[in-house]
Amino acid sequence: MQLRHVDPWSTLKFSLVLSIAMFFVWMVAVGVLYGVLSGLDVFSRVNDLWADLQGTAGEAIVTPSLVFGGAAVIGAVNILLFTALATIGSFIYNLCADLVGGLEITLGERD
């Protein structure tokens, strides 16, 4: 069998769904890491150090909204990049497959 064409529209849909699923995995991982570091008082020490450097007892520099907001922005950028690169990759594969004839795939039946 030869794989000569990958549909860019189906690649876009598949990569979008996969990247959204990975976004949720990313956010859960950030939440777990934040919980562990918060339990170890890392963020309170960073905030205390920042207050000592500023010379005032000001606002906290590391807050949950900052951490999760930054993680959400990074995750959204990853969704866009992954989806775009997968779709562009299917276009490039189709161009290369037109030149060389595609990939040869050998399938076998289970024993």
C-alpha atoms as a PDB file:
ATOM      1  CA  MET A   1       0.000   0.000   0.000  1.00  0.00           C
ATOM      2  CA  GLN A   2       1.104   3.551  -0.586  1.00  0.00           C
ATOM      3  CA  LEU A   3       0.142   6.594   1.407  1.00  0.00           C
ATOM      4  CA  ARG A   4      -0.037   9.290  -1.244  1.00  0.00           C
ATOM      5  CA  HIS A   5      -2.301  11.942   0.271  1.00  0.00           C
ATOM      6  CA  VAL A   6      -3.117  13.246   3.744  1.00  0.00           C
ATOM      7  CA  ASP A   7      -6.230  15.395   3.906  1.00  0.00           C
ATOM      8  CA  PRO A   8      -5.275  18.775   5.412  1.00  0.00           C
ATOM      9  CA  TRP A   9      -8.802  19.388   6.750  1.00  0.00           C
ATOM     10  CA  SER A  10      -8.853  16.103   8.695  1.00  0.00           C
ATOM     11  CA  THR A  11      -5.314  16.824   9.910  1.00  0.00           C
ATOM     12  CA  LEU A  12      -6.475  20.223  11.172  1.00  0.00           C
ATOM     13  CA  LYS A  13      -9.447  18.738  13.024  1.00  0.00           C
ATOM     14  CA  PHE A  14      -7.447  15.887  14.527  1.00  0.00           C
ATOM     15  CA  SER A  15      -4.556  18.083  15.635  1.00  0.00           C
ATOM     16  CA  LEU A  16      -6.943  20.664  17.109  1.00  0.00           C
ATOM     17  CA  VAL A  17      -8.738  18.060  19.225  1.00  0.00           C
ATOM     18  CA  LEU A  18      -5.433  16.510  20.302  1.00  0.00           C
ATOM     19  CA  SER A  19      -3.907  19.861  21.221  1.00  0.00           C
ATOM     20  CA  ILE A  20      -6.975  20.869  23.249  1.00  0.00           C
ATOM     21  CA  ALA A  21      -6.745  17.572  25.145  1.00  0.00           C
ATOM     22  CA  MET A  22      -3.062  18.235  25.784  1.00  0.00           C
ATOM     23  CA  PHE A  23      -3.975  21.744  26.992  1.00  0.00           C
ATOM     24  CA  PHE A  24      -6.080  20.233  29.757  1.00  0.00           C
ATOM     25  CA  VAL A  25      -3.259  17.834  30.650  1.00  0.00           C
ATOM     26  CA  TRP A  26      -0.911  20.849  30.773  1.00  0.00           C
ATOM     27  CA  MET A  27      -3.232  22.791  33.084  1.00  0.00           C
ATOM     28  CA  VAL A  28      -3.636  19.822  35.445  1.00  0.00           C
ATOM     29  CA  ALA A  29       0.147  19.377  35.539  1.00  0.00           C
ATOM     30  CA  VAL A  30       0.622  23.070  36.339  1.00  0.00           C
ATOM     31  CA  GLY A  31      -2.019  22.792  39.072  1.00  0.00           C
ATOM     32  CA  VAL A  32      -0.332  19.777  40.642  1.00  0.00           C
ATOM     33  CA  LEU A  33       3.085  21.425  40.479  1.00  0.00           C
ATOM     34  CA  TYR A  34       1.676  24.648  41.935  1.00  0.00           C
ATOM     35  CA  GLY A  35       0.039  22.700  44.749  1.00  0.00           C
ATOM     36  CA  VAL A  36       3.258  20.874  45.603  1.00  0.00           C
ATOM     37  CA  LEU A  37       5.383  24.022  45.523  1.00  0.00           C
ATOM     38  CA  SER A  38       2.786  25.951  47.495  1.00  0.00           C
ATOM     39  CA  GLY A  39       2.705  23.183  50.086  1.00  0.00           C
ATOM     40  CA  LEU A  40       6.482  23.506  50.431  1.00  0.00           C
ATOM     41  CA  ASP A  41       6.083  27.273  50.979  1.00  0.00           C
ATOM     42  CA  VAL A  42       8.214  28.102  47.950  1.00  0.00           C
ATOM     43  CA  PHE A  43       5.954  30.907  46.774  1.00  0.00           C
ATOM     44  CA  SER A  44       5.632  32.507  50.199  1.00  0.00           C
ATOM     45  CA  ARG A  45       9.429  32.544  50.476  1.00  0.00           C
ATOM     46  CA  VAL A  46       9.760  34.089  47.028  1.00  0.00           C
ATOM     47  CA  ASN A  47       7.180  36.713  47.963  1.00  0.00           C
ATOM     48  CA  ASP A  48       8.973  37.420  51.269  1.00  0.00           C
ATOM     49  CA  LEU A  49      12.295  37.737  49.459  1.00  0.00           C
ATOM     50  CA  TRP A  50      10.741  40.133  46.961  1.00  0.00           C
ATOM     51  CA  ALA A  51       9.299  42.217  49.785  1.00  0.00           C
ATOM     52  CA  ASP A  52      12.701  42.321  51.509  1.00  0.00           C
ATOM     53  CA  LEU A  53      14.392  43.419  48.291  1.00  0.00           C
ATOM     54  CA  GLN A  54      11.807  46.142  47.745  1.00  0.00           C
ATOM     55  CA  GLY A  55      12.038  47.280  51.338  1.00  0.00           C
ATOM     56  CA  THR A  56       8.276  47.298  51.763  1.00  0.00           C
ATOM     57  CA  ALA A  57       5.626  44.768  52.610  1.00  0.00           C
ATOM     58  CA  GLY A  58       3.926  45.126  49.245  1.00  0.00           C
ATOM     59  CA  GLU A  59       1.877  42.823  47.130  1.00  0.00           C
ATOM     60  CA  ALA A  60       2.849  39.241  46.425  1.00  0.00           C
ATOM     61  CA  ILE A  61       4.697  38.761  43.161  1.00  0.00           C
ATOM     62  CA  VAL A  62       3.729  35.094  42.686  1.00  0.00           C
ATOM     63  CA  THR A  63      -0.025  34.579  42.839  1.00  0.00           C
ATOM     64  CA  PRO A  64      -2.256  31.752  41.648  1.00  0.00           C
ATOM     65  CA  SER A  65      -3.815  34.020  39.022  1.00  0.00           C
ATOM     66  CA  LEU A  66      -0.373  34.872  37.640  1.00  0.00           C
ATOM     67  CA  VAL A  67       0.716  31.232  37.507  1.00  0.00           C
ATOM     68  CA  PHE A  68      -2.487  29.869  35.979  1.00  0.00           C
ATOM     69  CA  GLY A  69      -2.945  32.872  33.700  1.00  0.00           C
ATOM     70  CA  GLY A  70       0.573  32.443  32.340  1.00  0.00           C
ATOM     71  CA  ALA A  71       0.048  28.712  31.931  1.00  0.00           C
ATOM     72  CA  ALA A  72      -3.212  29.342  30.049  1.00  0.00           C
ATOM     73  CA  VAL A  73      -1.508  31.783  27.675  1.00  0.00           C
ATOM     74  CA  ILE A  74       1.325  29.334  27.021  1.00  0.00           C
ATOM     75  CA  GLY A  75      -1.205  26.539  26.471  1.00  0.00           C
ATOM     76  CA  ALA A  76      -3.255  28.636  24.034  1.00  0.00           C
ATOM     77  CA  VAL A  77      -0.135  29.488  22.039  1.00  0.00           C
ATOM     78  CA  ASN A  78       0.752  25.785  21.975  1.00  0.00           C
ATOM     79  CA  ILE A  79      -2.715  24.938  20.651  1.00  0.00           C
ATOM     80  CA  LEU A  80      -2.315  27.401  17.798  1.00  0.00           C
ATOM     81  CA  LEU A  81       1.245  26.350  16.969  1.00  0.00           C
ATOM     82  CA  PHE A  82       0.593  22.603  17.114  1.00  0.00           C
ATOM     83  CA  THR A  83      -2.511  22.854  14.949  1.00  0.00           C
ATOM     84  CA  ALA A  84      -0.843  25.132  12.406  1.00  0.00           C
ATOM     85  CA  LEU A  85       2.330  23.051  12.192  1.00  0.00           C
ATOM     86  CA  ALA A  86       0.425  19.786  11.773  1.00  0.00           C
ATOM     87  CA  THR A  87      -1.695  21.264   8.983  1.00  0.00           C
ATOM     88  CA  ILE A  88       1.322  22.782   7.243  1.00  0.00           C
ATOM     89  CA  GLY A  89       3.078  19.437   7.664  1.00  0.00           C
ATOM     90  CA  SER A  90       0.261  17.677   5.807  1.00  0.00           C
ATOM     91  CA  PHE A  91       0.566  20.185   2.947  1.00  0.00           C
ATOM     92  CA  ILE A  92       4.323  19.606   2.798  1.00  0.00           C
ATOM     93  CA  TYR A  93       3.833  15.832   2.893  1.00  0.00           C
ATOM     94  CA  ASN A  94       1.361  16.037   0.018  1.00  0.00           C
ATOM     95  CA  LEU A  95       3.836  18.064  -2.043  1.00  0.00           C
ATOM     96  CA  CYS A  96       6.649  15.619  -1.337  1.00  0.00           C
ATOM     97  CA  ALA A  97       4.397  12.631  -2.008  1.00  0.00           C
ATOM     98  CA  ASP A  98       3.561  14.071  -5.432  1.00  0.00           C
ATOM     99  CA  LEU A  99       7.283  14.159  -6.213  1.00  0.00           C
ATOM    100  CA  VAL A 100       8.363  10.742  -4.912  1.00  0.00           C
ATOM    101  CA  GLY A 101       5.131   8.735  -4.872  1.00  0.00           C
ATOM    102  CA  GLY A 102       4.352   8.669  -1.152  1.00  0.00           C
ATOM    103  CA  LEU A 103       5.228   6.211   1.609  1.00  0.00           C
ATOM    104  CA  GLU A 104       5.121   2.494   1.050  1.00  0.00           C
ATOM    105  CA  ILE A 105       3.353   0.693   3.879  1.00  0.00           C
ATOM    106  CA  THR A 106       3.253  -3.065   4.326  1.00  0.00           C
ATOM    107  CA  LEU A 107       0.358  -4.356   6.393  1.00  0.00           C
ATOM    108  CA  GLY A 108       0.149  -7.882   7.694  1.00  0.00           C
ATOM    109  CA  GLU A 109      -2.545  -9.935   9.351  1.00  0.00           C
ATOM    110  CA  ARG A 110      -2.240 -11.002  12.950  1.00  0.00           C
ATOM    111  CA  ASP A 111      -1.087 -14.538  13.543  1.00  0.00           C
END
